[in-house]
Amino acid sequence: MEPMPIVDLFETARKLGESGKRVNVLWQEPESLAFVARGREYRSEFHINPSEELMYQIKGEMRLHYRTPEGKEEVAIIKEGSAIHTPAGVPHSPRFPPDAYALIVERKRRPGEIDRFHWYCRKCDGFLHEETFTVSDYRADPVSLAYKRFFDSEEFRTCKKCGDVMPAPAPENV
């Protein structure tokens, strides 16, 4: 029989905050993946996940930005102690401060599945850039990798429609 991990979410969040890391993977099994995430000071991308996600807000409040099938940006407020289900394929951007923590549960990626990260212009909402990853190990923190690639390139951050350039955050915030 496989071990059945019991996790103290508050203690895990506390240790994650002390570590300075963004993600603590609790487990990665063939059909499930669970991790605690610490908020990022500057999150602007929309993640398109090939699997469904359950997000439970352990501490603090999350503003879950998402894009409707028509492309309109909406925001759902997830209060501390609340959970939300995000269907596969919905572009979403969980935004919460670095002293807030969320439990994320999703299906581990199947061979060939690709995670996508999209950025949109803050002025005209034009599409800026896409980063893609095949995520075989979530401990590699694909969100941080996508951020680094995006923010290291002024070309990627420049809107082709209106010319606005999305500013890069301070390196310690990426």
N, C-alpha and C. Protein backbone atom coordinates (compact mmCIF):
# COMPACT_ATOMS: atom_id res chain seq x y z
N MET A 1 0.85 -1.19 0.00
CA MET A 1 0.00 0.00 0.00
C MET A 1 0.89 1.25 0.00
N GLU A 2 0.50 2.21 -0.80
CA GLU A 2 1.22 3.49 -0.87
C GLU A 2 1.02 4.27 0.42
N PRO A 3 2.01 5.06 0.82
CA PRO A 3 1.81 5.91 2.00
C PRO A 3 0.71 6.93 1.74
N MET A 4 -0.02 7.25 2.77
CA MET A 4 -1.08 8.25 2.67
C MET A 4 -0.64 9.46 3.47
N PRO A 5 -0.08 10.48 2.79
CA PRO A 5 0.48 11.62 3.53
C PRO A 5 -0.59 12.44 4.23
N ILE A 6 -0.27 12.82 5.44
CA ILE A 6 -1.10 13.76 6.20
C ILE A 6 -0.28 15.04 6.28
N VAL A 7 -0.86 16.15 5.86
CA VAL A 7 -0.13 17.41 5.76
C VAL A 7 -0.79 18.46 6.63
N ASP A 8 -0.02 19.10 7.47
CA ASP A 8 -0.48 20.26 8.23
C ASP A 8 -0.30 21.47 7.32
N LEU A 9 -1.37 21.96 6.73
CA LEU A 9 -1.29 23.03 5.75
C LEU A 9 -0.75 24.33 6.34
N PHE A 10 -1.11 24.64 7.57
CA PHE A 10 -0.63 25.88 8.18
C PHE A 10 0.88 25.82 8.42
N GLU A 11 1.37 24.68 8.90
CA GLU A 11 2.80 24.50 9.13
C GLU A 11 3.57 24.50 7.81
N THR A 12 3.01 23.85 6.81
CA THR A 12 3.63 23.83 5.49
C THR A 12 3.73 25.24 4.92
N ALA A 13 2.67 26.02 5.06
CA ALA A 13 2.67 27.41 4.58
C ALA A 13 3.72 28.23 5.34
N ARG A 14 3.79 28.06 6.64
CA ARG A 14 4.77 28.80 7.44
C ARG A 14 6.19 28.49 6.98
N LYS A 15 6.50 27.22 6.80
CA LYS A 15 7.84 26.82 6.36
C LYS A 15 8.12 27.31 4.93
N LEU A 16 7.11 27.31 4.09
CA LEU A 16 7.30 27.80 2.73
C LEU A 16 7.65 29.28 2.75
N GLY A 17 6.95 30.05 3.58
CA GLY A 17 7.26 31.47 3.71
C GLY A 17 8.67 31.71 4.19
N GLU A 18 9.12 30.93 5.15
CA GLU A 18 10.48 31.07 5.68
C GLU A 18 11.53 30.69 4.65
N SER A 19 11.20 29.76 3.75
CA SER A 19 12.17 29.27 2.77
C SER A 19 12.43 30.28 1.65
N GLY A 20 11.47 31.17 1.40
CA GLY A 20 11.60 32.11 0.29
C GLY A 20 11.17 31.51 -1.04
N LYS A 21 10.89 30.21 -1.07
CA LYS A 21 10.43 29.56 -2.31
C LYS A 21 8.98 29.91 -2.57
N ARG A 22 8.52 29.60 -3.78
CA ARG A 22 7.14 29.89 -4.17
C ARG A 22 6.21 28.69 -4.06
N VAL A 23 6.79 27.48 -4.17
CA VAL A 23 5.98 26.26 -4.25
C VAL A 23 6.60 25.16 -3.39
N ASN A 24 5.74 24.41 -2.68
CA ASN A 24 6.15 23.22 -1.96
C ASN A 24 5.26 22.08 -2.44
N VAL A 25 5.85 21.18 -3.24
CA VAL A 25 5.09 20.04 -3.76
C VAL A 25 4.88 19.04 -2.63
N LEU A 26 3.61 18.71 -2.37
CA LEU A 26 3.28 17.77 -1.30
C LEU A 26 3.35 16.34 -1.81
N TRP A 27 2.84 16.11 -3.03
CA TRP A 27 2.99 14.81 -3.68
C TRP A 27 2.73 14.96 -5.18
N GLN A 28 3.33 14.01 -5.93
CA GLN A 28 3.11 13.89 -7.37
C GLN A 28 2.92 12.40 -7.64
N GLU A 29 1.71 12.02 -7.87
CA GLU A 29 1.37 10.64 -8.16
C GLU A 29 0.82 10.56 -9.58
N PRO A 30 0.68 9.36 -10.14
CA PRO A 30 0.22 9.27 -11.53
C PRO A 30 -1.08 10.01 -11.82
N GLU A 31 -2.00 10.07 -10.86
CA GLU A 31 -3.28 10.72 -11.12
C GLU A 31 -3.52 11.97 -10.29
N SER A 32 -2.57 12.37 -9.43
CA SER A 32 -2.78 13.58 -8.65
C SER A 32 -1.48 14.28 -8.34
N LEU A 33 -1.61 15.57 -8.18
CA LEU A 33 -0.51 16.46 -7.85
C LEU A 33 -1.07 17.45 -6.84
N ALA A 34 -0.36 17.67 -5.75
CA ALA A 34 -0.81 18.65 -4.76
C ALA A 34 0.39 19.47 -4.31
N PHE A 35 0.17 20.78 -4.21
CA PHE A 35 1.24 21.65 -3.74
C PHE A 35 0.66 22.86 -3.03
N VAL A 36 1.47 23.43 -2.14
CA VAL A 36 1.13 24.69 -1.50
C VAL A 36 1.90 25.77 -2.24
N ALA A 37 1.20 26.84 -2.62
CA ALA A 37 1.81 27.96 -3.34
C ALA A 37 1.74 29.21 -2.48
N ARG A 38 2.82 29.96 -2.53
CA ARG A 38 2.88 31.27 -1.87
C ARG A 38 2.58 32.31 -2.93
N GLY A 39 1.86 33.35 -2.57
CA GLY A 39 1.53 34.39 -3.54
C GLY A 39 2.77 35.06 -4.12
N ARG A 40 2.60 35.64 -5.28
CA ARG A 40 3.68 36.35 -5.96
C ARG A 40 3.35 37.83 -5.97
N GLU A 41 4.37 38.65 -5.79
CA GLU A 41 4.17 40.09 -5.75
C GLU A 41 3.63 40.62 -7.08
N TYR A 42 4.01 39.96 -8.15
CA TYR A 42 3.68 40.48 -9.48
C TYR A 42 3.30 39.32 -10.39
N ARG A 43 2.04 38.98 -10.42
CA ARG A 43 1.58 37.91 -11.31
C ARG A 43 0.67 38.52 -12.34
N SER A 44 0.96 38.25 -13.60
CA SER A 44 0.19 38.88 -14.67
C SER A 44 -0.23 37.91 -15.76
N GLU A 45 0.34 36.72 -15.77
CA GLU A 45 0.03 35.78 -16.85
C GLU A 45 -1.24 35.00 -16.56
N PHE A 46 -1.76 34.38 -17.60
CA PHE A 46 -2.90 33.48 -17.48
C PHE A 46 -2.40 32.09 -17.80
N HIS A 47 -2.58 31.17 -16.86
CA HIS A 47 -2.15 29.78 -17.03
C HIS A 47 -3.30 29.00 -17.66
N ILE A 48 -2.97 28.22 -18.67
CA ILE A 48 -3.95 27.33 -19.29
C ILE A 48 -3.48 25.92 -19.02
N ASN A 49 -4.19 25.28 -18.11
CA ASN A 49 -3.81 23.97 -17.59
C ASN A 49 -4.58 22.89 -18.33
N PRO A 50 -3.92 21.79 -18.74
CA PRO A 50 -4.64 20.72 -19.41
C PRO A 50 -5.50 19.88 -18.46
N SER A 51 -5.41 20.12 -17.15
CA SER A 51 -6.24 19.38 -16.20
C SER A 51 -7.05 20.36 -15.36
N GLU A 52 -8.06 19.82 -14.70
CA GLU A 52 -8.85 20.62 -13.77
C GLU A 52 -8.00 20.96 -12.55
N GLU A 53 -8.37 22.02 -11.85
CA GLU A 53 -7.67 22.41 -10.63
C GLU A 53 -8.68 22.68 -9.53
N LEU A 54 -8.29 22.33 -8.33
CA LEU A 54 -9.01 22.73 -7.13
C LEU A 54 -8.05 23.65 -6.39
N MET A 55 -8.50 24.85 -6.05
CA MET A 55 -7.69 25.79 -5.29
C MET A 55 -8.40 26.06 -3.97
N TYR A 56 -7.67 25.86 -2.87
CA TYR A 56 -8.18 26.12 -1.54
C TYR A 56 -7.30 27.20 -0.92
N GLN A 57 -7.91 28.30 -0.50
CA GLN A 57 -7.15 29.41 0.07
C GLN A 57 -6.91 29.17 1.55
N ILE A 58 -5.68 28.79 1.88
CA ILE A 58 -5.30 28.47 3.26
C ILE A 58 -5.26 29.73 4.12
N LYS A 59 -4.59 30.76 3.60
CA LYS A 59 -4.42 32.01 4.35
C LYS A 59 -4.50 33.17 3.37
N GLY A 60 -5.17 34.24 3.77
CA GLY A 60 -5.28 35.42 2.93
C GLY A 60 -6.40 35.28 1.90
N GLU A 61 -6.40 36.20 0.97
CA GLU A 61 -7.44 36.26 -0.06
C GLU A 61 -6.81 36.22 -1.44
N MET A 62 -7.42 35.47 -2.33
CA MET A 62 -6.97 35.37 -3.71
C MET A 62 -7.96 36.09 -4.63
N ARG A 63 -7.41 36.79 -5.60
CA ARG A 63 -8.21 37.34 -6.69
C ARG A 63 -7.87 36.49 -7.90
N LEU A 64 -8.78 35.60 -8.27
CA LEU A 64 -8.56 34.70 -9.40
C LEU A 64 -9.07 35.37 -10.67
N HIS A 65 -8.13 35.93 -11.44
CA HIS A 65 -8.48 36.51 -12.74
C HIS A 65 -8.64 35.35 -13.71
N TYR A 66 -9.64 35.41 -14.57
CA TYR A 66 -9.82 34.38 -15.58
C TYR A 66 -10.44 35.01 -16.82
N ARG A 67 -10.30 34.30 -17.93
CA ARG A 67 -10.82 34.80 -19.20
C ARG A 67 -11.98 33.92 -19.63
N THR A 68 -13.09 34.56 -19.98
CA THR A 68 -14.28 33.85 -20.42
C THR A 68 -14.04 33.29 -21.84
N PRO A 69 -14.91 32.40 -22.31
CA PRO A 69 -14.76 31.90 -23.68
C PRO A 69 -14.77 33.03 -24.73
N GLU A 70 -15.38 34.16 -24.39
CA GLU A 70 -15.41 35.32 -25.30
C GLU A 70 -14.14 36.17 -25.19
N GLY A 71 -13.25 35.82 -24.25
CA GLY A 71 -12.00 36.54 -24.08
C GLY A 71 -12.05 37.68 -23.07
N LYS A 72 -13.18 37.85 -22.40
CA LYS A 72 -13.32 38.92 -21.41
C LYS A 72 -12.68 38.49 -20.09
N GLU A 73 -11.95 39.42 -19.45
CA GLU A 73 -11.33 39.13 -18.16
C GLU A 73 -12.34 39.36 -17.04
N GLU A 74 -12.46 38.38 -16.17
CA GLU A 74 -13.32 38.45 -14.99
C GLU A 74 -12.46 38.16 -13.77
N VAL A 75 -12.99 38.44 -12.57
CA VAL A 75 -12.27 38.18 -11.32
C VAL A 75 -13.21 37.53 -10.32
N ALA A 76 -12.74 36.41 -9.74
CA ALA A 76 -13.46 35.75 -8.65
C ALA A 76 -12.64 35.95 -7.38
N ILE A 77 -13.31 36.32 -6.28
CA ILE A 77 -12.63 36.53 -4.99
C ILE A 77 -12.75 35.24 -4.19
N ILE A 78 -11.58 34.66 -3.81
CA ILE A 78 -11.56 33.46 -3.01
C ILE A 78 -11.05 33.86 -1.62
N LYS A 79 -11.94 33.85 -0.67
CA LYS A 79 -11.59 34.25 0.69
C LYS A 79 -10.90 33.11 1.43
N GLU A 80 -10.17 33.46 2.48
CA GLU A 80 -9.50 32.47 3.32
C GLU A 80 -10.49 31.40 3.75
N GLY A 81 -10.08 30.13 3.59
CA GLY A 81 -10.95 29.01 3.95
C GLY A 81 -11.89 28.59 2.85
N SER A 82 -11.87 29.27 1.70
CA SER A 82 -12.75 28.95 0.58
C SER A 82 -11.99 28.21 -0.50
N ALA A 83 -12.75 27.52 -1.36
CA ALA A 83 -12.16 26.76 -2.46
C ALA A 83 -12.89 27.08 -3.76
N ILE A 84 -12.19 26.85 -4.88
CA ILE A 84 -12.79 27.05 -6.19
C ILE A 84 -12.30 25.95 -7.12
N HIS A 85 -13.17 25.51 -8.01
CA HIS A 85 -12.83 24.54 -9.04
C HIS A 85 -12.62 25.30 -10.35
N THR A 86 -11.48 25.05 -11.00
CA THR A 86 -11.19 25.68 -12.29
C THR A 86 -11.14 24.57 -13.33
N PRO A 87 -12.06 24.57 -14.32
CA PRO A 87 -12.05 23.53 -15.35
C PRO A 87 -10.79 23.58 -16.22
N ALA A 88 -10.43 22.44 -16.76
CA ALA A 88 -9.28 22.37 -17.68
C ALA A 88 -9.50 23.34 -18.84
N GLY A 89 -8.42 23.99 -19.27
CA GLY A 89 -8.47 24.86 -20.43
C GLY A 89 -8.91 26.29 -20.17
N VAL A 90 -9.33 26.62 -18.95
CA VAL A 90 -9.75 27.99 -18.64
C VAL A 90 -8.51 28.82 -18.30
N PRO A 91 -8.23 29.88 -19.07
CA PRO A 91 -7.10 30.74 -18.74
C PRO A 91 -7.36 31.43 -17.40
N HIS A 92 -6.45 31.24 -16.44
CA HIS A 92 -6.65 31.78 -15.10
C HIS A 92 -5.33 32.29 -14.54
N SER A 93 -5.46 33.25 -13.62
CA SER A 93 -4.29 33.90 -13.03
C SER A 93 -4.57 34.13 -11.55
N PRO A 94 -4.11 33.20 -10.68
CA PRO A 94 -4.34 33.37 -9.24
C PRO A 94 -3.42 34.45 -8.69
N ARG A 95 -4.00 35.53 -8.21
CA ARG A 95 -3.21 36.66 -7.72
C ARG A 95 -3.48 36.87 -6.24
N PHE A 96 -2.40 36.74 -5.45
CA PHE A 96 -2.49 36.94 -4.01
C PHE A 96 -1.12 37.32 -3.51
N PRO A 97 -1.06 38.02 -2.36
CA PRO A 97 0.23 38.53 -1.87
C PRO A 97 1.13 37.42 -1.35
N PRO A 98 2.43 37.71 -1.19
CA PRO A 98 3.39 36.69 -0.75
C PRO A 98 3.18 36.17 0.66
N ASP A 99 2.35 36.83 1.45
CA ASP A 99 2.06 36.31 2.79
C ASP A 99 0.74 35.54 2.82
N ALA A 100 0.22 35.20 1.64
CA ALA A 100 -0.98 34.40 1.51
C ALA A 100 -0.59 33.07 0.85
N TYR A 101 -1.37 32.02 1.13
CA TYR A 101 -1.02 30.67 0.69
C TYR A 101 -2.25 29.94 0.19
N ALA A 102 -2.04 29.11 -0.85
CA ALA A 102 -3.13 28.32 -1.41
C ALA A 102 -2.67 26.88 -1.59
N LEU A 103 -3.60 25.96 -1.41
CA LEU A 103 -3.39 24.55 -1.72
C LEU A 103 -3.96 24.33 -3.12
N ILE A 104 -3.14 23.76 -4.00
CA ILE A 104 -3.57 23.47 -5.37
C ILE A 104 -3.53 21.97 -5.56
N VAL A 105 -4.65 21.41 -6.04
CA VAL A 105 -4.73 19.98 -6.35
C VAL A 105 -5.18 19.85 -7.79
N GLU A 106 -4.42 19.08 -8.55
CA GLU A 106 -4.75 18.87 -9.96
C GLU A 106 -4.24 17.51 -10.38
N ARG A 107 -4.53 17.13 -11.62
CA ARG A 107 -4.04 15.87 -12.15
C ARG A 107 -2.62 16.06 -12.66
N LYS A 108 -1.76 15.11 -12.34
CA LYS A 108 -0.41 15.15 -12.89
C LYS A 108 -0.52 15.07 -14.42
N ARG A 109 0.37 15.76 -15.11
CA ARG A 109 0.30 15.81 -16.56
C ARG A 109 0.53 14.44 -17.18
N ARG A 110 -0.22 14.19 -18.24
CA ARG A 110 -0.05 12.97 -19.02
C ARG A 110 0.98 13.22 -20.11
N PRO A 111 1.61 12.19 -20.62
CA PRO A 111 2.60 12.39 -21.69
C PRO A 111 2.01 13.20 -22.85
N GLY A 112 2.75 14.21 -23.27
CA GLY A 112 2.33 15.04 -24.40
C GLY A 112 1.48 16.24 -24.03
N GLU A 113 1.00 16.32 -22.79
CA GLU A 113 0.19 17.47 -22.39
C GLU A 113 1.09 18.69 -22.19
N ILE A 114 0.57 19.84 -22.56
CA ILE A 114 1.35 21.08 -22.51
C ILE A 114 0.62 22.11 -21.68
N ASP A 115 1.36 22.76 -20.78
CA ASP A 115 0.86 23.91 -20.03
C ASP A 115 1.23 25.16 -20.83
N ARG A 116 0.29 26.10 -20.88
CA ARG A 116 0.54 27.36 -21.60
C ARG A 116 0.36 28.53 -20.65
N PHE A 117 1.15 29.56 -20.90
CA PHE A 117 1.09 30.79 -20.11
C PHE A 117 0.95 31.94 -21.10
N HIS A 118 -0.11 32.75 -20.95
CA HIS A 118 -0.40 33.87 -21.84
C HIS A 118 -0.31 35.19 -21.10
N TRP A 119 0.21 36.19 -21.77
CA TRP A 119 0.21 37.56 -21.26
C TRP A 119 -0.56 38.44 -22.22
N TYR A 120 -1.26 39.44 -21.65
CA TYR A 120 -2.05 40.39 -22.42
C TYR A 120 -1.63 41.81 -22.06
N CYS A 121 -1.78 42.71 -23.00
CA CYS A 121 -1.41 44.11 -22.80
C CYS A 121 -2.28 44.73 -21.71
N ARG A 122 -1.65 45.43 -20.79
CA ARG A 122 -2.37 46.07 -19.69
C ARG A 122 -3.19 47.26 -20.17
N LYS A 123 -2.86 47.83 -21.35
CA LYS A 123 -3.58 49.01 -21.85
C LYS A 123 -4.71 48.64 -22.81
N CYS A 124 -4.41 47.79 -23.82
CA CYS A 124 -5.43 47.51 -24.85
C CYS A 124 -5.93 46.07 -24.84
N ASP A 125 -5.40 45.23 -23.94
CA ASP A 125 -5.78 43.84 -23.80
C ASP A 125 -5.36 42.99 -25.01
N GLY A 126 -4.46 43.51 -25.85
CA GLY A 126 -3.94 42.71 -26.97
C GLY A 126 -3.05 41.58 -26.46
N PHE A 127 -3.01 40.49 -27.21
CA PHE A 127 -2.19 39.35 -26.84
C PHE A 127 -0.72 39.72 -26.98
N LEU A 128 0.08 39.47 -25.92
CA LEU A 128 1.50 39.79 -25.94
C LEU A 128 2.37 38.59 -26.28
N HIS A 129 2.20 37.49 -25.52
CA HIS A 129 3.16 36.41 -25.66
C HIS A 129 2.61 35.12 -25.05
N GLU A 130 3.13 33.99 -25.54
CA GLU A 130 2.81 32.68 -24.97
C GLU A 130 4.11 31.94 -24.66
N GLU A 131 4.17 31.34 -23.48
CA GLU A 131 5.22 30.41 -23.10
C GLU A 131 4.55 29.05 -22.92
N THR A 132 5.22 27.98 -23.35
CA THR A 132 4.68 26.64 -23.19
C THR A 132 5.69 25.76 -22.49
N PHE A 133 5.18 24.80 -21.71
CA PHE A 133 6.03 23.87 -20.99
C PHE A 133 5.38 22.50 -20.98
N THR A 134 6.20 21.49 -21.06
CA THR A 134 5.78 20.14 -20.74
C THR A 134 6.23 19.93 -19.30
N VAL A 135 5.27 19.78 -18.41
CA VAL A 135 5.57 19.72 -16.97
C VAL A 135 5.60 18.26 -16.52
N SER A 136 6.81 17.74 -16.35
CA SER A 136 6.93 16.37 -15.86
C SER A 136 7.18 16.34 -14.36
N ASP A 137 7.71 17.45 -13.82
CA ASP A 137 7.98 17.53 -12.39
C ASP A 137 7.65 18.95 -11.93
N TYR A 138 6.61 19.09 -11.14
CA TYR A 138 6.16 20.43 -10.75
C TYR A 138 7.15 21.12 -9.82
N ARG A 139 8.08 20.35 -9.25
CA ARG A 139 9.09 20.97 -8.39
C ARG A 139 10.00 21.92 -9.20
N ALA A 140 9.98 21.80 -10.53
CA ALA A 140 10.77 22.71 -11.39
C ALA A 140 10.15 24.10 -11.42
N ASP A 141 8.97 24.28 -10.83
CA ASP A 141 8.27 25.58 -10.74
C ASP A 141 8.12 26.23 -12.13
N PRO A 142 7.26 25.66 -12.99
CA PRO A 142 7.11 26.17 -14.35
C PRO A 142 6.64 27.62 -14.41
N VAL A 143 5.91 28.09 -13.40
CA VAL A 143 5.46 29.49 -13.43
C VAL A 143 6.67 30.42 -13.36
N SER A 144 7.60 30.13 -12.46
CA SER A 144 8.80 30.97 -12.36
C SER A 144 9.63 30.92 -13.65
N LEU A 145 9.71 29.75 -14.27
CA LEU A 145 10.45 29.63 -15.53
C LEU A 145 9.79 30.44 -16.64
N ALA A 146 8.46 30.38 -16.71
CA ALA A 146 7.74 31.15 -17.72
C ALA A 146 7.94 32.65 -17.49
N TYR A 147 7.88 33.06 -16.23
CA TYR A 147 8.09 34.48 -15.90
C TYR A 147 9.47 34.95 -16.33
N LYS A 148 10.49 34.16 -16.03
CA LYS A 148 11.85 34.56 -16.37
C LYS A 148 11.99 34.76 -17.88
N ARG A 149 11.50 33.82 -18.66
CA ARG A 149 11.59 33.94 -20.12
C ARG A 149 10.86 35.18 -20.62
N PHE A 150 9.66 35.40 -20.10
CA PHE A 150 8.86 36.54 -20.54
C PHE A 150 9.51 37.86 -20.15
N PHE A 151 9.84 38.02 -18.89
CA PHE A 151 10.35 39.30 -18.42
C PHE A 151 11.78 39.59 -18.84
N ASP A 152 12.52 38.58 -19.26
CA ASP A 152 13.87 38.81 -19.77
C ASP A 152 13.87 39.37 -21.20
N SER A 153 12.69 39.43 -21.84
CA SER A 153 12.61 39.88 -23.22
C SER A 153 11.70 41.10 -23.36
N GLU A 154 12.29 42.24 -23.70
CA GLU A 154 11.46 43.42 -23.94
C GLU A 154 10.56 43.21 -25.15
N GLU A 155 11.03 42.45 -26.13
CA GLU A 155 10.22 42.15 -27.31
C GLU A 155 8.92 41.45 -26.91
N PHE A 156 9.02 40.46 -26.02
CA PHE A 156 7.83 39.72 -25.58
C PHE A 156 6.87 40.63 -24.82
N ARG A 157 7.41 41.63 -24.10
CA ARG A 157 6.60 42.50 -23.25
C ARG A 157 6.03 43.71 -24.00
N THR A 158 6.36 43.85 -25.28
CA THR A 158 5.92 45.00 -26.07
C THR A 158 4.69 44.63 -26.89
N CYS A 159 3.63 45.40 -26.73
CA CYS A 159 2.37 45.16 -27.44
C CYS A 159 2.52 45.53 -28.92
N LYS A 160 2.15 44.60 -29.77
CA LYS A 160 2.21 44.84 -31.22
C LYS A 160 1.08 45.76 -31.68
N LYS A 161 0.00 45.87 -30.88
CA LYS A 161 -1.14 46.71 -31.26
C LYS A 161 -0.95 48.17 -30.87
N CYS A 162 -0.55 48.41 -29.60
CA CYS A 162 -0.51 49.80 -29.12
C CYS A 162 0.89 50.28 -28.73
N GLY A 163 1.88 49.36 -28.69
CA GLY A 163 3.24 49.76 -28.39
C GLY A 163 3.59 49.84 -26.92
N ASP A 164 2.62 49.63 -26.03
CA ASP A 164 2.91 49.68 -24.60
C ASP A 164 3.88 48.56 -24.22
N VAL A 165 4.79 48.86 -23.29
CA VAL A 165 5.75 47.86 -22.82
C VAL A 165 5.42 47.53 -21.36
N MET A 166 5.10 46.26 -21.11
CA MET A 166 4.83 45.84 -19.74
C MET A 166 6.14 45.90 -18.96
N PRO A 167 6.17 46.63 -17.83
CA PRO A 167 7.41 46.72 -17.07
C PRO A 167 7.78 45.39 -16.44
N ALA A 168 9.06 45.15 -16.33
CA ALA A 168 9.55 43.94 -15.65
C ALA A 168 9.59 44.22 -14.15
N PRO A 169 9.16 43.26 -13.34
CA PRO A 169 9.23 43.44 -11.89
C PRO A 169 10.68 43.33 -11.42
N ALA A 170 10.93 43.72 -10.20
CA ALA A 170 12.25 43.56 -9.61
C ALA A 170 12.62 42.08 -9.64
N PRO A 171 13.88 41.75 -9.91
CA PRO A 171 14.29 40.33 -10.04
C PRO A 171 13.86 39.45 -8.87
N GLU A 172 13.87 39.97 -7.66
CA GLU A 172 13.50 39.14 -6.51
C GLU A 172 12.02 38.83 -6.47
N ASN A 173 11.21 39.50 -7.30
CA ASN A 173 9.76 39.26 -7.32
C ASN A 173 9.33 38.28 -8.39
N VAL A 174 10.24 37.91 -9.26
CA VAL A 174 9.85 37.02 -10.38
C VAL A 174 9.86 35.57 -9.93
